[in-house]
Amino acid sequence: MRIRELIQLVSAEVAQGVYEDVEIAGGYTSDLLSDVMGHAKAKEVLITIQAHRNTVAVAGLVGMPAIVICNARPIPEEMISAAREENIAILRTELSQYEVSGLLWSALSAEKSA
């Protein structure tokens, strides 16, 4: 699955669209950025409600190509600007973290089975 497919899967709005449409290896759901730094892996998508610049810094450090902001939370311009500099997609959805995580897990599991 690529980022463009994730956008459709979670009915997301693209808040920051300057990114490379890479293959997604998985997802990591957390609002605690130190947890993300310690456990997330490159090519995973960060699923969170933490909409601020530090979220982008952590995603960039880990090598995450996209951040999904859940519950339709507002995204500050400074986060969008930081993500543009890092080529990290910022997606916003009305879905909860639980829903996005489940949809992504199901879709990636189906791909592996095919």
N, C-alpha and C. Protein backbone atom coordinates (compact mmCIF):
# COMPACT_ATOMS: atom_id res chain seq x y z
N MET A 1 0.84 -1.17 0.00
CA MET A 1 0.00 0.00 0.00
C MET A 1 0.89 1.24 0.00
N ARG A 2 0.48 2.20 -0.79
CA ARG A 2 1.18 3.48 -0.87
C ARG A 2 0.35 4.55 -0.15
N ILE A 3 0.99 5.70 0.07
CA ILE A 3 0.33 6.79 0.79
C ILE A 3 -0.97 7.19 0.10
N ARG A 4 -0.98 7.26 -1.22
CA ARG A 4 -2.20 7.66 -1.95
C ARG A 4 -3.35 6.69 -1.68
N GLU A 5 -3.04 5.43 -1.48
CA GLU A 5 -4.07 4.44 -1.16
C GLU A 5 -4.55 4.60 0.28
N LEU A 6 -3.63 4.96 1.17
CA LEU A 6 -4.00 5.22 2.57
C LEU A 6 -4.97 6.39 2.66
N ILE A 7 -4.76 7.41 1.85
CA ILE A 7 -5.64 8.58 1.84
C ILE A 7 -7.08 8.15 1.58
N GLN A 8 -7.26 7.29 0.60
CA GLN A 8 -8.61 6.79 0.28
C GLN A 8 -9.13 5.87 1.37
N LEU A 9 -8.26 5.02 1.89
CA LEU A 9 -8.67 4.05 2.90
C LEU A 9 -9.28 4.71 4.13
N VAL A 10 -8.69 5.82 4.57
CA VAL A 10 -9.15 6.47 5.81
C VAL A 10 -9.92 7.75 5.54
N SER A 11 -10.31 7.95 4.29
CA SER A 11 -11.07 9.15 3.89
C SER A 11 -10.40 10.42 4.41
N ALA A 12 -9.12 10.54 4.12
CA ALA A 12 -8.33 11.65 4.66
C ALA A 12 -8.29 12.85 3.73
N GLU A 13 -8.13 13.98 4.35
CA GLU A 13 -7.82 15.23 3.66
C GLU A 13 -6.30 15.37 3.71
N VAL A 14 -5.70 15.78 2.62
CA VAL A 14 -4.25 15.96 2.57
C VAL A 14 -3.95 17.39 3.02
N ALA A 15 -3.34 17.51 4.18
CA ALA A 15 -2.99 18.83 4.71
C ALA A 15 -1.62 19.27 4.22
N GLN A 16 -0.75 18.32 3.91
CA GLN A 16 0.59 18.60 3.39
C GLN A 16 0.87 17.57 2.32
N GLY A 17 0.90 18.01 1.07
CA GLY A 17 0.97 17.10 -0.05
C GLY A 17 2.29 17.04 -0.79
N VAL A 18 3.36 17.57 -0.21
CA VAL A 18 4.68 17.47 -0.84
C VAL A 18 5.40 16.29 -0.18
N TYR A 19 5.33 15.14 -0.85
CA TYR A 19 5.92 13.91 -0.31
C TYR A 19 6.13 12.93 -1.45
N GLU A 20 6.94 11.92 -1.19
CA GLU A 20 7.14 10.83 -2.13
C GLU A 20 6.12 9.74 -1.79
N ASP A 21 5.41 9.25 -2.79
CA ASP A 21 4.36 8.25 -2.58
C ASP A 21 4.98 6.86 -2.41
N VAL A 22 5.57 6.64 -1.26
CA VAL A 22 6.31 5.41 -0.99
C VAL A 22 5.40 4.30 -0.48
N GLU A 23 5.93 3.11 -0.51
CA GLU A 23 5.25 1.93 0.03
C GLU A 23 5.26 2.03 1.56
N ILE A 24 4.12 1.75 2.17
CA ILE A 24 3.98 1.79 3.63
C ILE A 24 4.22 0.39 4.18
N ALA A 25 5.10 0.29 5.19
CA ALA A 25 5.43 -1.00 5.78
C ALA A 25 4.52 -1.35 6.96
N GLY A 26 3.87 -0.36 7.54
CA GLY A 26 3.03 -0.60 8.71
C GLY A 26 2.60 0.71 9.30
N GLY A 27 2.11 0.63 10.52
CA GLY A 27 1.67 1.83 11.22
C GLY A 27 2.08 1.77 12.67
N TYR A 28 2.18 2.93 13.29
CA TYR A 28 2.45 3.00 14.72
C TYR A 28 1.53 4.04 15.31
N THR A 29 0.75 3.63 16.30
CA THR A 29 -0.24 4.50 16.92
C THR A 29 0.22 4.89 18.32
N SER A 30 0.43 6.19 18.51
CA SER A 30 0.83 6.68 19.83
C SER A 30 0.72 8.19 19.86
N ASP A 31 0.46 8.73 21.04
CA ASP A 31 0.46 10.17 21.26
C ASP A 31 1.67 10.58 22.10
N LEU A 32 2.45 9.62 22.52
CA LEU A 32 3.63 9.89 23.33
C LEU A 32 4.86 9.84 22.42
N LEU A 33 5.43 11.00 22.12
CA LEU A 33 6.49 11.07 21.11
C LEU A 33 7.74 10.29 21.50
N SER A 34 8.05 10.20 22.78
CA SER A 34 9.20 9.39 23.20
C SER A 34 8.95 7.91 22.91
N ASP A 35 7.71 7.48 23.01
CA ASP A 35 7.34 6.11 22.66
C ASP A 35 7.54 5.87 21.16
N VAL A 36 7.13 6.83 20.36
CA VAL A 36 7.32 6.73 18.91
C VAL A 36 8.80 6.63 18.58
N MET A 37 9.62 7.49 19.19
CA MET A 37 11.08 7.45 18.93
C MET A 37 11.68 6.10 19.30
N GLY A 38 11.19 5.50 20.37
CA GLY A 38 11.77 4.25 20.85
C GLY A 38 11.28 2.99 20.16
N HIS A 39 10.09 3.06 19.52
CA HIS A 39 9.51 1.81 19.02
C HIS A 39 9.05 1.82 17.57
N ALA A 40 8.76 2.97 17.01
CA ALA A 40 8.30 3.01 15.61
C ALA A 40 9.47 2.70 14.68
N LYS A 41 9.12 2.28 13.47
CA LYS A 41 10.13 1.91 12.49
C LYS A 41 9.97 2.75 11.22
N ALA A 42 11.05 2.83 10.48
CA ALA A 42 11.04 3.53 9.20
C ALA A 42 9.98 2.92 8.29
N LYS A 43 9.38 3.75 7.48
CA LYS A 43 8.34 3.39 6.50
C LYS A 43 7.00 3.03 7.14
N GLU A 44 6.88 3.19 8.46
CA GLU A 44 5.58 3.08 9.11
C GLU A 44 4.92 4.45 9.11
N VAL A 45 3.61 4.47 9.21
CA VAL A 45 2.83 5.70 9.27
C VAL A 45 2.52 5.98 10.74
N LEU A 46 2.68 7.22 11.16
CA LEU A 46 2.35 7.61 12.53
C LEU A 46 0.88 7.98 12.59
N ILE A 47 0.14 7.34 13.48
CA ILE A 47 -1.29 7.58 13.68
C ILE A 47 -1.42 8.21 15.07
N THR A 48 -1.92 9.46 15.12
CA THR A 48 -1.87 10.22 16.37
C THR A 48 -2.90 11.35 16.37
N ILE A 49 -3.03 11.98 17.52
CA ILE A 49 -3.79 13.23 17.61
C ILE A 49 -2.86 14.40 17.93
N GLN A 50 -1.56 14.13 18.02
CA GLN A 50 -0.58 15.16 18.35
C GLN A 50 -0.26 16.00 17.11
N ALA A 51 -0.94 17.11 16.97
CA ALA A 51 -0.78 17.97 15.80
C ALA A 51 0.10 19.16 16.16
N HIS A 52 1.42 18.94 16.15
CA HIS A 52 2.36 20.04 16.35
C HIS A 52 3.69 19.71 15.71
N ARG A 53 4.54 20.70 15.66
CA ARG A 53 5.83 20.61 14.96
C ARG A 53 6.70 19.46 15.48
N ASN A 54 6.69 19.21 16.77
CA ASN A 54 7.53 18.15 17.34
C ASN A 54 7.15 16.77 16.79
N THR A 55 5.90 16.59 16.44
CA THR A 55 5.46 15.32 15.86
C THR A 55 6.18 15.09 14.54
N VAL A 56 6.32 16.13 13.75
CA VAL A 56 7.04 16.03 12.47
C VAL A 56 8.51 15.71 12.72
N ALA A 57 9.11 16.36 13.70
CA ALA A 57 10.53 16.12 14.00
C ALA A 57 10.76 14.66 14.36
N VAL A 58 9.88 14.09 15.16
CA VAL A 58 10.02 12.68 15.55
C VAL A 58 9.80 11.77 14.35
N ALA A 59 8.78 12.04 13.56
CA ALA A 59 8.53 11.22 12.36
C ALA A 59 9.73 11.26 11.42
N GLY A 60 10.32 12.43 11.25
CA GLY A 60 11.49 12.56 10.40
C GLY A 60 12.68 11.79 10.95
N LEU A 61 12.88 11.86 12.25
CA LEU A 61 13.98 11.15 12.91
C LEU A 61 13.85 9.65 12.69
N VAL A 62 12.65 9.14 12.79
CA VAL A 62 12.40 7.70 12.65
C VAL A 62 12.41 7.26 11.19
N GLY A 63 12.05 8.16 10.28
CA GLY A 63 11.96 7.80 8.86
C GLY A 63 10.55 7.43 8.45
N MET A 64 9.58 8.05 9.10
CA MET A 64 8.17 7.79 8.79
C MET A 64 7.73 8.72 7.65
N PRO A 65 7.11 8.18 6.60
CA PRO A 65 6.77 9.00 5.44
C PRO A 65 5.47 9.80 5.57
N ALA A 66 4.65 9.46 6.58
CA ALA A 66 3.35 10.13 6.71
C ALA A 66 2.88 10.14 8.15
N ILE A 67 2.09 11.16 8.46
CA ILE A 67 1.44 11.28 9.77
C ILE A 67 -0.05 11.40 9.51
N VAL A 68 -0.84 10.60 10.20
CA VAL A 68 -2.30 10.68 10.12
C VAL A 68 -2.79 11.31 11.41
N ILE A 69 -3.38 12.49 11.29
CA ILE A 69 -3.97 13.18 12.43
C ILE A 69 -5.44 12.78 12.49
N CYS A 70 -5.84 12.23 13.62
CA CYS A 70 -7.19 11.67 13.77
C CYS A 70 -8.14 12.65 14.46
N ASN A 71 -9.41 12.29 14.46
CA ASN A 71 -10.48 13.05 15.10
C ASN A 71 -10.63 14.46 14.53
N ALA A 72 -10.22 14.64 13.27
CA ALA A 72 -10.34 15.93 12.57
C ALA A 72 -9.75 17.09 13.37
N ARG A 73 -8.68 16.82 14.08
CA ARG A 73 -8.05 17.88 14.88
C ARG A 73 -7.44 18.93 13.97
N PRO A 74 -7.45 20.18 14.40
CA PRO A 74 -6.83 21.23 13.59
C PRO A 74 -5.32 21.02 13.49
N ILE A 75 -4.77 21.39 12.35
CA ILE A 75 -3.33 21.23 12.12
C ILE A 75 -2.73 22.62 11.95
N PRO A 76 -1.81 23.01 12.84
CA PRO A 76 -1.22 24.35 12.74
C PRO A 76 -0.31 24.48 11.52
N GLU A 77 -0.22 25.67 11.00
CA GLU A 77 0.59 25.95 9.81
C GLU A 77 2.06 25.60 10.04
N GLU A 78 2.55 25.80 11.26
CA GLU A 78 3.97 25.48 11.52
C GLU A 78 4.23 23.98 11.39
N MET A 79 3.25 23.14 11.68
CA MET A 79 3.40 21.70 11.49
C MET A 79 3.44 21.38 9.99
N ILE A 80 2.56 22.00 9.25
CA ILE A 80 2.51 21.77 7.81
C ILE A 80 3.81 22.22 7.15
N SER A 81 4.32 23.37 7.55
CA SER A 81 5.59 23.87 6.99
C SER A 81 6.75 22.94 7.31
N ALA A 82 6.81 22.47 8.54
CA ALA A 82 7.87 21.54 8.94
C ALA A 82 7.80 20.25 8.15
N ALA A 83 6.59 19.74 7.95
CA ALA A 83 6.40 18.50 7.19
C ALA A 83 6.78 18.69 5.72
N ARG A 84 6.49 19.86 5.17
CA ARG A 84 6.86 20.15 3.78
C ARG A 84 8.39 20.11 3.64
N GLU A 85 9.10 20.68 4.59
CA GLU A 85 10.57 20.66 4.56
C GLU A 85 11.13 19.24 4.63
N GLU A 86 10.43 18.36 5.34
CA GLU A 86 10.88 16.97 5.53
C GLU A 86 10.28 16.01 4.50
N ASN A 87 9.40 16.51 3.61
CA ASN A 87 8.68 15.67 2.64
C ASN A 87 7.87 14.57 3.33
N ILE A 88 7.22 14.93 4.43
CA ILE A 88 6.37 14.00 5.17
C ILE A 88 4.92 14.40 4.90
N ALA A 89 4.13 13.44 4.44
CA ALA A 89 2.71 13.71 4.19
C ALA A 89 1.98 13.90 5.51
N ILE A 90 1.09 14.88 5.54
CA ILE A 90 0.21 15.08 6.70
C ILE A 90 -1.21 14.86 6.21
N LEU A 91 -1.86 13.89 6.81
CA LEU A 91 -3.23 13.54 6.46
C LEU A 91 -4.11 13.77 7.68
N ARG A 92 -5.34 14.24 7.43
CA ARG A 92 -6.28 14.44 8.53
C ARG A 92 -7.56 13.69 8.21
N THR A 93 -8.05 12.98 9.21
CA THR A 93 -9.27 12.21 9.05
C THR A 93 -10.19 12.42 10.25
N GLU A 94 -11.46 12.23 10.02
CA GLU A 94 -12.43 12.29 11.12
C GLU A 94 -12.43 11.01 11.95
N LEU A 95 -11.81 9.96 11.43
CA LEU A 95 -11.79 8.68 12.13
C LEU A 95 -10.92 8.75 13.38
N SER A 96 -11.18 7.84 14.31
CA SER A 96 -10.37 7.74 15.53
C SER A 96 -9.07 6.99 15.25
N GLN A 97 -8.17 7.04 16.19
CA GLN A 97 -6.93 6.29 16.06
C GLN A 97 -7.20 4.78 15.97
N TYR A 98 -8.15 4.33 16.73
CA TYR A 98 -8.54 2.92 16.71
C TYR A 98 -9.02 2.51 15.32
N GLU A 99 -9.88 3.33 14.74
CA GLU A 99 -10.42 3.02 13.41
C GLU A 99 -9.34 3.03 12.34
N VAL A 100 -8.49 4.04 12.35
CA VAL A 100 -7.42 4.13 11.35
C VAL A 100 -6.46 2.95 11.50
N SER A 101 -6.10 2.62 12.73
CA SER A 101 -5.19 1.51 12.98
C SER A 101 -5.78 0.20 12.47
N GLY A 102 -7.05 -0.02 12.75
CA GLY A 102 -7.71 -1.25 12.30
C GLY A 102 -7.80 -1.34 10.79
N LEU A 103 -8.17 -0.24 10.15
CA LEU A 103 -8.26 -0.24 8.69
C LEU A 103 -6.90 -0.49 8.05
N LEU A 104 -5.87 0.16 8.56
CA LEU A 104 -4.54 -0.02 8.00
C LEU A 104 -4.05 -1.45 8.22
N TRP A 105 -4.23 -1.97 9.41
CA TRP A 105 -3.81 -3.34 9.70
C TRP A 105 -4.53 -4.33 8.78
N SER A 106 -5.83 -4.17 8.63
CA SER A 106 -6.60 -5.08 7.76
C SER A 106 -6.11 -5.01 6.31
N ALA A 107 -5.89 -3.80 5.81
CA ALA A 107 -5.47 -3.64 4.42
C ALA A 107 -4.08 -4.23 4.20
N LEU A 108 -3.16 -3.98 5.10
CA LEU A 108 -1.80 -4.52 4.95
C LEU A 108 -1.79 -6.03 5.12
N SER A 109 -2.61 -6.56 6.01
CA SER A 109 -2.70 -8.01 6.19
C SER A 109 -3.26 -8.68 4.94
N ALA A 110 -4.25 -8.05 4.33
CA ALA A 110 -4.83 -8.59 3.10
C ALA A 110 -3.80 -8.60 1.98
N GLU A 111 -2.97 -7.56 1.90
CA GLU A 111 -1.92 -7.51 0.88
C GLU A 111 -0.93 -8.65 1.06
N LYS A 112 -0.56 -8.93 2.31
CA LYS A 112 0.40 -9.99 2.58
C LYS A 112 -0.16 -11.37 2.25
N SER A 113 -1.45 -11.52 2.42
CA SER A 113 -2.13 -12.80 2.14
C SER A 113 -2.31 -13.06 0.66
N ALA A 114 -2.36 -11.98 -0.12
CA ALA A 114 -2.64 -12.11 -1.56
C ALA A 114 -1.47 -12.65 -2.34
